[in-house]
Amino acid sequence: MATLKTIAEWAETLGISRQQGYAAVKRCEIPVNGGKVDLEYATILYHRHTRQRANAARQADRKSDVQFSLGGEGDYQAARARREAAEASIAEMKEAEMRGKYLLKTEVDSAIFEIARALRDGLTNCSKRLAGDVASLLTSEECEDVIEREHRALLESMSHSLKSKLNVIDDGDDE
């Protein structure tokens, strides 16, 4: 059988003021019958729609002896802990990004695309640039040397462009 109490009495069992009780009745849509509420049902609705205070441990002493099952209070605390951990992880990643430890994928993709396009254009135009130099040479070794120098220059240019676009520190181990 339902235990009916006035809103003020119900608020007192929760350890909140009468005004907070009336506000909770409106906010949590607690049914009122003749100025009274069902004690257990109103308490369950109140806890489902109200976030626990940071100083809840001090207020636990003032709560009534009414025992009830919320079915999900632990789920809320676990979800809140996961959210806090995720926010901390995101903040650490943003800090590492600001320090230059991480690169954004979109920036890397854009830089690679631009550099690869420049390399493609350089290799495509290579034959036109080298035709005059190679035409006067007599041996295939001499032709290879000219072509190899051109390719190496293009690859070095690509390497320097990549490092400058992505702000990579040169550690001097280029070969």
N, C-alpha and C. Protein backbone atom coordinates (compact mmCIF):
# COMPACT_ATOMS: atom_id res chain seq x y z
N MET A 1 0.84 -1.18 0.00
CA MET A 1 0.00 0.00 0.00
C MET A 1 0.88 1.24 0.00
N ALA A 2 0.46 2.23 -0.74
CA ALA A 2 1.23 3.45 -0.89
C ALA A 2 1.22 4.27 0.38
N THR A 3 2.37 4.85 0.71
CA THR A 3 2.49 5.73 1.86
C THR A 3 2.39 7.15 1.35
N LEU A 4 1.29 7.83 1.68
CA LEU A 4 1.08 9.20 1.22
C LEU A 4 1.57 10.18 2.27
N LYS A 5 2.31 11.17 1.83
CA LYS A 5 2.81 12.22 2.72
C LYS A 5 2.65 13.55 2.01
N THR A 6 2.64 14.61 2.77
CA THR A 6 2.60 15.93 2.14
C THR A 6 3.94 16.19 1.47
N ILE A 7 3.94 17.15 0.58
CA ILE A 7 5.18 17.46 -0.14
C ILE A 7 6.25 17.93 0.83
N ALA A 8 5.87 18.69 1.83
CA ALA A 8 6.84 19.17 2.82
C ALA A 8 7.43 18.00 3.60
N GLU A 9 6.59 17.03 4.00
CA GLU A 9 7.09 15.86 4.74
C GLU A 9 8.01 15.03 3.86
N TRP A 10 7.60 14.86 2.61
CA TRP A 10 8.43 14.10 1.67
C TRP A 10 9.79 14.79 1.48
N ALA A 11 9.79 16.11 1.32
CA ALA A 11 11.03 16.86 1.14
C ALA A 11 11.94 16.68 2.36
N GLU A 12 11.34 16.66 3.53
CA GLU A 12 12.12 16.48 4.76
C GLU A 12 12.79 15.12 4.79
N THR A 13 12.10 14.08 4.30
CA THR A 13 12.72 12.73 4.28
C THR A 13 13.92 12.69 3.34
N LEU A 14 13.89 13.54 2.32
CA LEU A 14 15.02 13.59 1.38
C LEU A 14 16.15 14.49 1.88
N GLY A 15 15.85 15.31 2.87
CA GLY A 15 16.85 16.24 3.37
C GLY A 15 16.93 17.51 2.54
N ILE A 16 15.82 17.87 1.89
CA ILE A 16 15.78 19.10 1.11
C ILE A 16 14.72 20.02 1.71
N SER A 17 14.75 21.27 1.32
CA SER A 17 13.78 22.22 1.88
C SER A 17 12.40 22.00 1.26
N ARG A 18 11.38 22.57 1.89
CA ARG A 18 10.02 22.48 1.39
C ARG A 18 9.93 23.09 0.00
N GLN A 19 10.59 24.24 -0.22
CA GLN A 19 10.57 24.89 -1.52
C GLN A 19 11.21 24.01 -2.60
N GLN A 20 12.31 23.38 -2.23
CA GLN A 20 12.96 22.47 -3.18
C GLN A 20 12.05 21.28 -3.49
N GLY A 21 11.30 20.85 -2.51
CA GLY A 21 10.35 19.75 -2.71
C GLY A 21 9.28 20.12 -3.72
N TYR A 22 8.68 21.31 -3.57
CA TYR A 22 7.66 21.75 -4.52
C TYR A 22 8.25 21.92 -5.92
N ALA A 23 9.47 22.44 -6.00
CA ALA A 23 10.12 22.60 -7.30
C ALA A 23 10.40 21.23 -7.93
N ALA A 24 10.79 20.25 -7.11
CA ALA A 24 11.06 18.91 -7.61
C ALA A 24 9.79 18.25 -8.11
N VAL A 25 8.67 18.51 -7.44
CA VAL A 25 7.39 17.93 -7.88
C VAL A 25 7.09 18.40 -9.30
N LYS A 26 7.32 19.68 -9.58
CA LYS A 26 7.07 20.20 -10.93
C LYS A 26 8.11 19.67 -11.92
N ARG A 27 9.38 19.75 -11.55
CA ARG A 27 10.47 19.37 -12.44
C ARG A 27 10.44 17.88 -12.78
N CYS A 28 10.16 17.04 -11.81
CA CYS A 28 10.19 15.59 -11.99
C CYS A 28 8.83 15.03 -12.36
N GLU A 29 7.84 15.91 -12.47
CA GLU A 29 6.47 15.51 -12.82
C GLU A 29 5.95 14.43 -11.88
N ILE A 30 6.08 14.68 -10.59
CA ILE A 30 5.61 13.75 -9.57
C ILE A 30 4.11 13.96 -9.39
N PRO A 31 3.33 12.89 -9.48
CA PRO A 31 1.88 13.05 -9.33
C PRO A 31 1.50 13.42 -7.89
N VAL A 32 0.61 14.40 -7.77
CA VAL A 32 0.15 14.88 -6.46
C VAL A 32 -1.35 14.59 -6.37
N ASN A 33 -1.77 14.01 -5.25
CA ASN A 33 -3.18 13.69 -5.04
C ASN A 33 -3.61 14.28 -3.70
N GLY A 34 -4.40 15.34 -3.78
CA GLY A 34 -4.87 15.98 -2.55
C GLY A 34 -3.75 16.62 -1.76
N GLY A 35 -2.73 17.12 -2.43
CA GLY A 35 -1.61 17.76 -1.75
C GLY A 35 -0.61 16.78 -1.18
N LYS A 36 -0.78 15.48 -1.50
CA LYS A 36 0.11 14.45 -0.99
C LYS A 36 0.72 13.66 -2.14
N VAL A 37 1.88 13.07 -1.86
CA VAL A 37 2.58 12.25 -2.85
C VAL A 37 2.86 10.88 -2.26
N ASP A 38 2.97 9.90 -3.18
CA ASP A 38 3.38 8.55 -2.75
C ASP A 38 4.87 8.63 -2.43
N LEU A 39 5.24 8.32 -1.22
CA LEU A 39 6.61 8.50 -0.72
C LEU A 39 7.65 7.78 -1.58
N GLU A 40 7.46 6.49 -1.81
CA GLU A 40 8.46 5.71 -2.56
C GLU A 40 8.51 6.12 -4.03
N TYR A 41 7.35 6.26 -4.66
CA TYR A 41 7.31 6.61 -6.08
C TYR A 41 7.89 8.01 -6.32
N ALA A 42 7.55 8.95 -5.46
CA ALA A 42 8.06 10.31 -5.60
C ALA A 42 9.58 10.33 -5.41
N THR A 43 10.09 9.53 -4.49
CA THR A 43 11.53 9.48 -4.24
C THR A 43 12.26 8.88 -5.43
N ILE A 44 11.69 7.82 -6.00
CA ILE A 44 12.30 7.20 -7.18
C ILE A 44 12.35 8.20 -8.34
N LEU A 45 11.23 8.88 -8.60
CA LEU A 45 11.21 9.87 -9.68
C LEU A 45 12.20 11.00 -9.41
N TYR A 46 12.26 11.43 -8.16
CA TYR A 46 13.18 12.51 -7.81
C TYR A 46 14.63 12.12 -8.13
N HIS A 47 15.04 10.92 -7.74
CA HIS A 47 16.42 10.49 -7.95
C HIS A 47 16.71 10.21 -9.42
N ARG A 48 15.72 9.80 -10.18
CA ARG A 48 15.93 9.57 -11.61
C ARG A 48 16.14 10.87 -12.37
N HIS A 49 15.52 11.94 -11.90
CA HIS A 49 15.58 13.21 -12.61
C HIS A 49 16.51 14.24 -11.97
N THR A 50 17.22 13.85 -10.94
CA THR A 50 18.07 14.79 -10.22
C THR A 50 19.48 14.23 -10.15
N ARG A 51 20.45 15.04 -10.52
CA ARG A 51 21.84 14.63 -10.43
C ARG A 51 22.30 14.73 -8.99
N GLN A 52 23.08 13.74 -8.55
CA GLN A 52 23.57 13.71 -7.19
C GLN A 52 24.56 14.86 -6.96
N ARG A 53 24.47 15.47 -5.81
CA ARG A 53 25.36 16.58 -5.48
C ARG A 53 26.76 16.08 -5.17
N ALA A 54 27.72 16.96 -5.32
CA ALA A 54 29.12 16.60 -5.06
C ALA A 54 29.33 16.29 -3.58
N ASN A 55 28.57 16.94 -2.71
CA ASN A 55 28.72 16.72 -1.27
C ASN A 55 27.66 15.75 -0.75
N ALA A 56 27.28 14.77 -1.55
CA ALA A 56 26.21 13.83 -1.19
C ALA A 56 26.57 13.01 0.05
N ALA A 57 27.86 12.79 0.30
CA ALA A 57 28.25 11.98 1.45
C ALA A 57 27.81 12.65 2.75
N ARG A 58 27.91 13.97 2.80
CA ARG A 58 27.47 14.69 4.01
C ARG A 58 25.95 14.65 4.15
N GLN A 59 25.26 14.67 3.02
CA GLN A 59 23.81 14.68 3.07
C GLN A 59 23.23 13.30 3.32
N ALA A 60 24.02 12.24 3.15
CA ALA A 60 23.52 10.89 3.34
C ALA A 60 23.07 10.67 4.77
N ASP A 61 23.68 11.38 5.73
CA ASP A 61 23.29 11.23 7.14
C ASP A 61 21.87 11.74 7.37
N ARG A 62 21.42 12.70 6.56
CA ARG A 62 20.11 13.30 6.76
C ARG A 62 18.99 12.57 6.04
N LYS A 63 19.33 11.57 5.20
CA LYS A 63 18.29 10.86 4.45
C LYS A 63 17.48 9.97 5.38
N SER A 64 16.28 9.70 4.95
CA SER A 64 15.38 8.87 5.77
C SER A 64 15.75 7.41 5.66
N ASP A 65 15.05 6.62 6.42
CA ASP A 65 15.28 5.18 6.42
C ASP A 65 14.54 4.50 5.28
N VAL A 66 13.88 5.27 4.44
CA VAL A 66 13.12 4.68 3.34
C VAL A 66 14.10 4.06 2.35
N GLN A 67 13.96 2.79 2.10
CA GLN A 67 14.82 2.08 1.15
C GLN A 67 14.05 1.89 -0.15
N PHE A 68 14.72 2.12 -1.24
CA PHE A 68 14.07 1.94 -2.54
C PHE A 68 15.13 1.58 -3.56
N SER A 69 14.67 1.08 -4.67
CA SER A 69 15.58 0.68 -5.73
C SER A 69 15.46 1.65 -6.90
N LEU A 70 16.60 2.24 -7.27
CA LEU A 70 16.58 3.17 -8.39
C LEU A 70 16.79 2.47 -9.72
N GLY A 71 17.46 1.37 -9.74
CA GLY A 71 17.69 0.66 -10.98
C GLY A 71 18.41 1.50 -12.02
N GLY A 72 19.64 1.85 -11.78
CA GLY A 72 20.38 2.61 -12.77
C GLY A 72 21.23 3.71 -12.19
N GLU A 73 21.21 3.91 -10.89
CA GLU A 73 22.03 4.97 -10.30
C GLU A 73 23.50 4.66 -10.53
N GLY A 74 23.89 3.39 -10.39
CA GLY A 74 25.27 3.00 -10.63
C GLY A 74 25.66 3.19 -12.09
N ASP A 75 24.69 2.96 -12.99
CA ASP A 75 24.96 3.16 -14.41
C ASP A 75 25.30 4.62 -14.69
N TYR A 76 24.61 5.52 -14.04
CA TYR A 76 24.86 6.94 -14.23
C TYR A 76 26.27 7.29 -13.76
N GLN A 77 26.64 6.80 -12.59
CA GLN A 77 27.97 7.10 -12.06
C GLN A 77 29.06 6.52 -12.96
N ALA A 78 28.84 5.31 -13.47
CA ALA A 78 29.83 4.68 -14.36
C ALA A 78 29.94 5.47 -15.66
N ALA A 79 28.81 5.89 -16.20
CA ALA A 79 28.82 6.68 -17.44
C ALA A 79 29.52 8.02 -17.21
N ARG A 80 29.26 8.61 -16.07
CA ARG A 80 29.90 9.90 -15.76
C ARG A 80 31.41 9.74 -15.63
N ALA A 81 31.85 8.65 -15.01
CA ALA A 81 33.29 8.39 -14.87
C ALA A 81 33.93 8.17 -16.24
N ARG A 82 33.23 7.42 -17.12
CA ARG A 82 33.75 7.20 -18.48
C ARG A 82 33.86 8.52 -19.23
N ARG A 83 32.84 9.38 -19.07
CA ARG A 83 32.87 10.67 -19.76
C ARG A 83 34.04 11.51 -19.26
N GLU A 84 34.25 11.54 -17.97
CA GLU A 84 35.37 12.31 -17.41
C GLU A 84 36.70 11.78 -17.91
N ALA A 85 36.84 10.46 -17.98
CA ALA A 85 38.08 9.87 -18.47
C ALA A 85 38.30 10.22 -19.95
N ALA A 86 37.21 10.18 -20.74
CA ALA A 86 37.33 10.52 -22.16
C ALA A 86 37.71 11.99 -22.33
N GLU A 87 37.11 12.87 -21.55
CA GLU A 87 37.44 14.29 -21.63
C GLU A 87 38.90 14.55 -21.26
N ALA A 88 39.40 13.82 -20.25
CA ALA A 88 40.80 13.97 -19.86
C ALA A 88 41.72 13.48 -20.98
N SER A 89 41.35 12.38 -21.61
CA SER A 89 42.14 11.84 -22.71
C SER A 89 42.17 12.82 -23.89
N ILE A 90 41.03 13.41 -24.20
CA ILE A 90 40.97 14.39 -25.29
C ILE A 90 41.84 15.61 -24.97
N ALA A 91 41.80 16.05 -23.72
CA ALA A 91 42.62 17.20 -23.33
C ALA A 91 44.11 16.88 -23.47
N GLU A 92 44.51 15.66 -23.12
CA GLU A 92 45.91 15.26 -23.27
C GLU A 92 46.31 15.22 -24.74
N MET A 93 45.42 14.71 -25.60
CA MET A 93 45.73 14.67 -27.03
C MET A 93 45.84 16.08 -27.61
N LYS A 94 44.98 16.98 -27.19
CA LYS A 94 45.04 18.37 -27.67
C LYS A 94 46.35 19.02 -27.23
N GLU A 95 46.75 18.75 -26.00
CA GLU A 95 48.01 19.31 -25.52
C GLU A 95 49.19 18.77 -26.33
N ALA A 96 49.19 17.45 -26.58
CA ALA A 96 50.27 16.85 -27.36
C ALA A 96 50.28 17.41 -28.78
N GLU A 97 49.10 17.64 -29.34
CA GLU A 97 49.01 18.23 -30.68
C GLU A 97 49.58 19.64 -30.68
N MET A 98 49.27 20.42 -29.65
CA MET A 98 49.77 21.78 -29.56
C MET A 98 51.29 21.81 -29.41
N ARG A 99 51.84 20.80 -28.75
CA ARG A 99 53.30 20.73 -28.58
C ARG A 99 54.00 20.19 -29.83
N GLY A 100 53.20 19.75 -30.82
CA GLY A 100 53.77 19.25 -32.06
C GLY A 100 54.06 17.77 -32.04
N LYS A 101 53.55 17.06 -31.05
CA LYS A 101 53.80 15.63 -30.96
C LYS A 101 52.94 14.85 -31.95
N TYR A 102 51.73 15.33 -32.23
CA TYR A 102 50.82 14.67 -33.15
C TYR A 102 50.53 15.57 -34.34
N LEU A 103 50.20 14.95 -35.44
CA LEU A 103 49.80 15.67 -36.65
C LEU A 103 48.34 15.32 -36.94
N LEU A 104 47.62 16.27 -37.49
CA LEU A 104 46.25 16.01 -37.87
C LEU A 104 46.23 15.26 -39.20
N LYS A 105 45.42 14.25 -39.29
CA LYS A 105 45.34 13.43 -40.49
C LYS A 105 45.01 14.27 -41.72
N THR A 106 44.10 15.21 -41.58
CA THR A 106 43.72 16.03 -42.73
C THR A 106 44.90 16.86 -43.24
N GLU A 107 45.72 17.37 -42.32
CA GLU A 107 46.89 18.15 -42.73
C GLU A 107 47.92 17.26 -43.43
N VAL A 108 48.12 16.05 -42.91
CA VAL A 108 49.08 15.13 -43.51
C VAL A 108 48.59 14.72 -44.91
N ASP A 109 47.30 14.38 -45.01
CA ASP A 109 46.74 13.99 -46.31
C ASP A 109 46.90 15.12 -47.33
N SER A 110 46.63 16.34 -46.93
CA SER A 110 46.73 17.48 -47.84
C SER A 110 48.18 17.68 -48.29
N ALA A 111 49.11 17.61 -47.34
CA ALA A 111 50.52 17.80 -47.67
C ALA A 111 51.02 16.70 -48.61
N ILE A 112 50.66 15.46 -48.31
CA ILE A 112 51.09 14.33 -49.15
C ILE A 112 50.54 14.48 -50.57
N PHE A 113 49.28 14.88 -50.67
CA PHE A 113 48.67 15.06 -51.99
C PHE A 113 49.42 16.11 -52.80
N GLU A 114 49.69 17.26 -52.18
CA GLU A 114 50.39 18.34 -52.89
C GLU A 114 51.79 17.92 -53.31
N ILE A 115 52.50 17.25 -52.43
CA ILE A 115 53.88 16.85 -52.73
C ILE A 115 53.91 15.75 -53.78
N ALA A 116 53.00 14.80 -53.70
CA ALA A 116 52.95 13.73 -54.70
C ALA A 116 52.59 14.31 -56.08
N ARG A 117 51.70 15.29 -56.10
CA ARG A 117 51.35 15.92 -57.37
C ARG A 117 52.57 16.64 -57.96
N ALA A 118 53.34 17.33 -57.12
CA ALA A 118 54.53 18.03 -57.61
C ALA A 118 55.57 17.03 -58.12
N LEU A 119 55.71 15.89 -57.42
CA LEU A 119 56.65 14.86 -57.88
C LEU A 119 56.20 14.28 -59.22
N ARG A 120 54.91 14.00 -59.34
CA ARG A 120 54.39 13.49 -60.61
C ARG A 120 54.66 14.47 -61.75
N ASP A 121 54.38 15.75 -61.50
CA ASP A 121 54.62 16.76 -62.54
C ASP A 121 56.11 16.85 -62.89
N GLY A 122 56.96 16.76 -61.87
CA GLY A 122 58.40 16.81 -62.12
C GLY A 122 58.89 15.64 -62.94
N LEU A 123 58.38 14.44 -62.63
CA LEU A 123 58.80 13.26 -63.39
C LEU A 123 58.23 13.30 -64.82
N THR A 124 57.02 13.81 -64.96
CA THR A 124 56.41 13.90 -66.28
C THR A 124 57.21 14.86 -67.17
N ASN A 125 57.65 15.96 -66.61
CA ASN A 125 58.39 16.97 -67.38
C ASN A 125 59.88 16.65 -67.48
N CYS A 126 60.33 15.63 -66.78
CA CYS A 126 61.75 15.28 -66.74
C CYS A 126 62.29 14.98 -68.14
N SER A 127 61.54 14.23 -68.91
CA SER A 127 62.04 13.86 -70.24
C SER A 127 62.22 15.08 -71.13
N LYS A 128 61.34 16.05 -71.01
CA LYS A 128 61.47 17.27 -71.83
C LYS A 128 62.67 18.09 -71.40
N ARG A 129 62.93 18.15 -70.10
CA ARG A 129 64.06 18.93 -69.60
C ARG A 129 65.39 18.27 -69.94
N LEU A 130 65.43 16.94 -69.93
CA LEU A 130 66.69 16.24 -70.11
C LEU A 130 67.00 15.88 -71.56
N ALA A 131 66.04 16.00 -72.44
CA ALA A 131 66.23 15.56 -73.83
C ALA A 131 67.46 16.21 -74.46
N GLY A 132 67.61 17.50 -74.29
CA GLY A 132 68.76 18.20 -74.89
C GLY A 132 70.08 17.76 -74.29
N ASP A 133 70.11 17.55 -72.96
CA ASP A 133 71.35 17.15 -72.29
C ASP A 133 71.75 15.73 -72.68
N VAL A 134 70.79 14.85 -72.81
CA VAL A 134 71.08 13.45 -73.08
C VAL A 134 71.39 13.23 -74.57
N ALA A 135 70.86 14.04 -75.45
CA ALA A 135 71.03 13.85 -76.89
C ALA A 135 72.50 13.89 -77.32
N SER A 136 73.30 14.69 -76.67
CA SER A 136 74.70 14.83 -77.07
C SER A 136 75.61 13.78 -76.44
N LEU A 137 75.09 12.99 -75.51
CA LEU A 137 75.91 11.99 -74.82
C LEU A 137 76.06 10.74 -75.69
N LEU A 138 77.20 10.06 -75.51
CA LEU A 138 77.50 8.92 -76.37
C LEU A 138 77.23 7.57 -75.73
N THR A 139 77.33 7.47 -74.40
CA THR A 139 77.15 6.17 -73.75
C THR A 139 75.90 6.17 -72.88
N SER A 140 75.43 4.96 -72.63
CA SER A 140 74.23 4.82 -71.79
C SER A 140 74.54 5.18 -70.33
N GLU A 141 75.79 4.95 -69.87
CA GLU A 141 76.17 5.29 -68.51
C GLU A 141 76.08 6.81 -68.28
N GLU A 142 76.49 7.58 -69.27
CA GLU A 142 76.41 9.03 -69.15
C GLU A 142 74.95 9.48 -69.09
N CYS A 143 74.10 8.84 -69.89
CA CYS A 143 72.65 9.15 -69.87
C CYS A 143 72.05 8.81 -68.51
N GLU A 144 72.43 7.64 -67.97
CA GLU A 144 71.93 7.23 -66.66
C GLU A 144 72.32 8.23 -65.57
N ASP A 145 73.56 8.72 -65.63
CA ASP A 145 74.03 9.68 -64.63
C ASP A 145 73.19 10.96 -64.66
N VAL A 146 72.89 11.46 -65.83
CA VAL A 146 72.10 12.68 -65.96
C VAL A 146 70.68 12.45 -65.43
N ILE A 147 70.08 11.32 -65.81
CA ILE A 147 68.71 11.00 -65.37
C ILE A 147 68.68 10.77 -63.86
N GLU A 148 69.69 10.07 -63.33
CA GLU A 148 69.75 9.80 -61.90
C GLU A 148 69.87 11.10 -61.09
N ARG A 149 70.72 12.04 -61.56
CA ARG A 149 70.85 13.33 -60.88
C ARG A 149 69.50 14.07 -60.83
N GLU A 150 68.79 14.03 -61.93
CA GLU A 150 67.48 14.70 -61.99
C GLU A 150 66.48 14.05 -61.03
N HIS A 151 66.45 12.73 -61.02
CA HIS A 151 65.54 12.02 -60.12
C HIS A 151 65.89 12.29 -58.66
N ARG A 152 67.19 12.26 -58.34
CA ARG A 152 67.61 12.52 -56.96
C ARG A 152 67.22 13.94 -56.53
N ALA A 153 67.36 14.90 -57.43
CA ALA A 153 66.98 16.28 -57.12
C ALA A 153 65.47 16.38 -56.85
N LEU A 154 64.69 15.68 -57.66
CA LEU A 154 63.23 15.68 -57.44
C LEU A 154 62.87 15.04 -56.10
N LEU A 155 63.50 13.91 -55.77
CA LEU A 155 63.22 13.22 -54.50
C LEU A 155 63.66 14.05 -53.30
N GLU A 156 64.81 14.72 -53.40
CA GLU A 156 65.25 15.58 -52.31
C GLU A 156 64.30 16.76 -52.13
N SER A 157 63.84 17.29 -53.23
CA SER A 157 62.86 18.38 -53.17
C SER A 157 61.58 17.91 -52.48
N MET A 158 61.14 16.70 -52.82
CA MET A 158 59.94 16.14 -52.19
C MET A 158 60.16 15.96 -50.68
N SER A 159 61.32 15.46 -50.30
CA SER A 159 61.64 15.24 -48.89
C SER A 159 61.63 16.55 -48.11
N HIS A 160 62.26 17.58 -48.66
CA HIS A 160 62.30 18.89 -47.99
C HIS A 160 60.91 19.51 -47.90
N SER A 161 60.12 19.36 -48.97
CA SER A 161 58.76 19.90 -48.95
C SER A 161 57.92 19.22 -47.88
N LEU A 162 58.04 17.90 -47.79
CA LEU A 162 57.28 17.15 -46.78
C LEU A 162 57.66 17.59 -45.38
N LYS A 163 58.96 17.72 -45.13
CA LYS A 163 59.41 18.13 -43.80
C LYS A 163 58.94 19.54 -43.46
N SER A 164 58.99 20.43 -44.42
CA SER A 164 58.59 21.81 -44.13
C SER A 164 57.08 21.94 -43.95
N LYS A 165 56.29 21.21 -44.74
CA LYS A 165 54.83 21.30 -44.62
C LYS A 165 54.33 20.68 -43.32
N LEU A 166 54.99 19.63 -42.86
CA LEU A 166 54.55 18.94 -41.64
C LEU A 166 55.36 19.35 -40.42
N ASN A 167 56.24 20.33 -40.56
CA ASN A 167 57.06 20.83 -39.45
C ASN A 167 57.84 19.72 -38.77
N VAL A 168 58.45 18.86 -39.58
CA VAL A 168 59.25 17.75 -39.05
C VAL A 168 60.66 18.25 -38.83
N ILE A 169 61.23 17.92 -37.67
CA ILE A 169 62.60 18.32 -37.36
C ILE A 169 63.55 17.36 -38.04
N ASP A 170 64.51 17.91 -38.77
CA ASP A 170 65.49 17.09 -39.51
C ASP A 170 66.50 16.51 -38.53
N ASP A 171 66.57 15.17 -38.47
CA ASP A 171 67.51 14.55 -37.56
C ASP A 171 68.82 14.16 -38.22
N GLY A 172 68.98 14.53 -39.49
CA GLY A 172 70.28 14.38 -40.16
C GLY A 172 70.58 12.99 -40.64
N ASP A 173 69.62 12.07 -40.69
CA ASP A 173 69.91 10.71 -41.15
C ASP A 173 69.42 10.47 -42.56
N ASP A 174 69.32 11.54 -43.37
CA ASP A 174 68.92 11.38 -44.77
C ASP A 174 69.99 10.63 -45.53
N GLU A 175 69.58 9.84 -46.49
CA GLU A 175 70.55 9.12 -47.29
C GLU A 175 70.35 9.38 -48.73
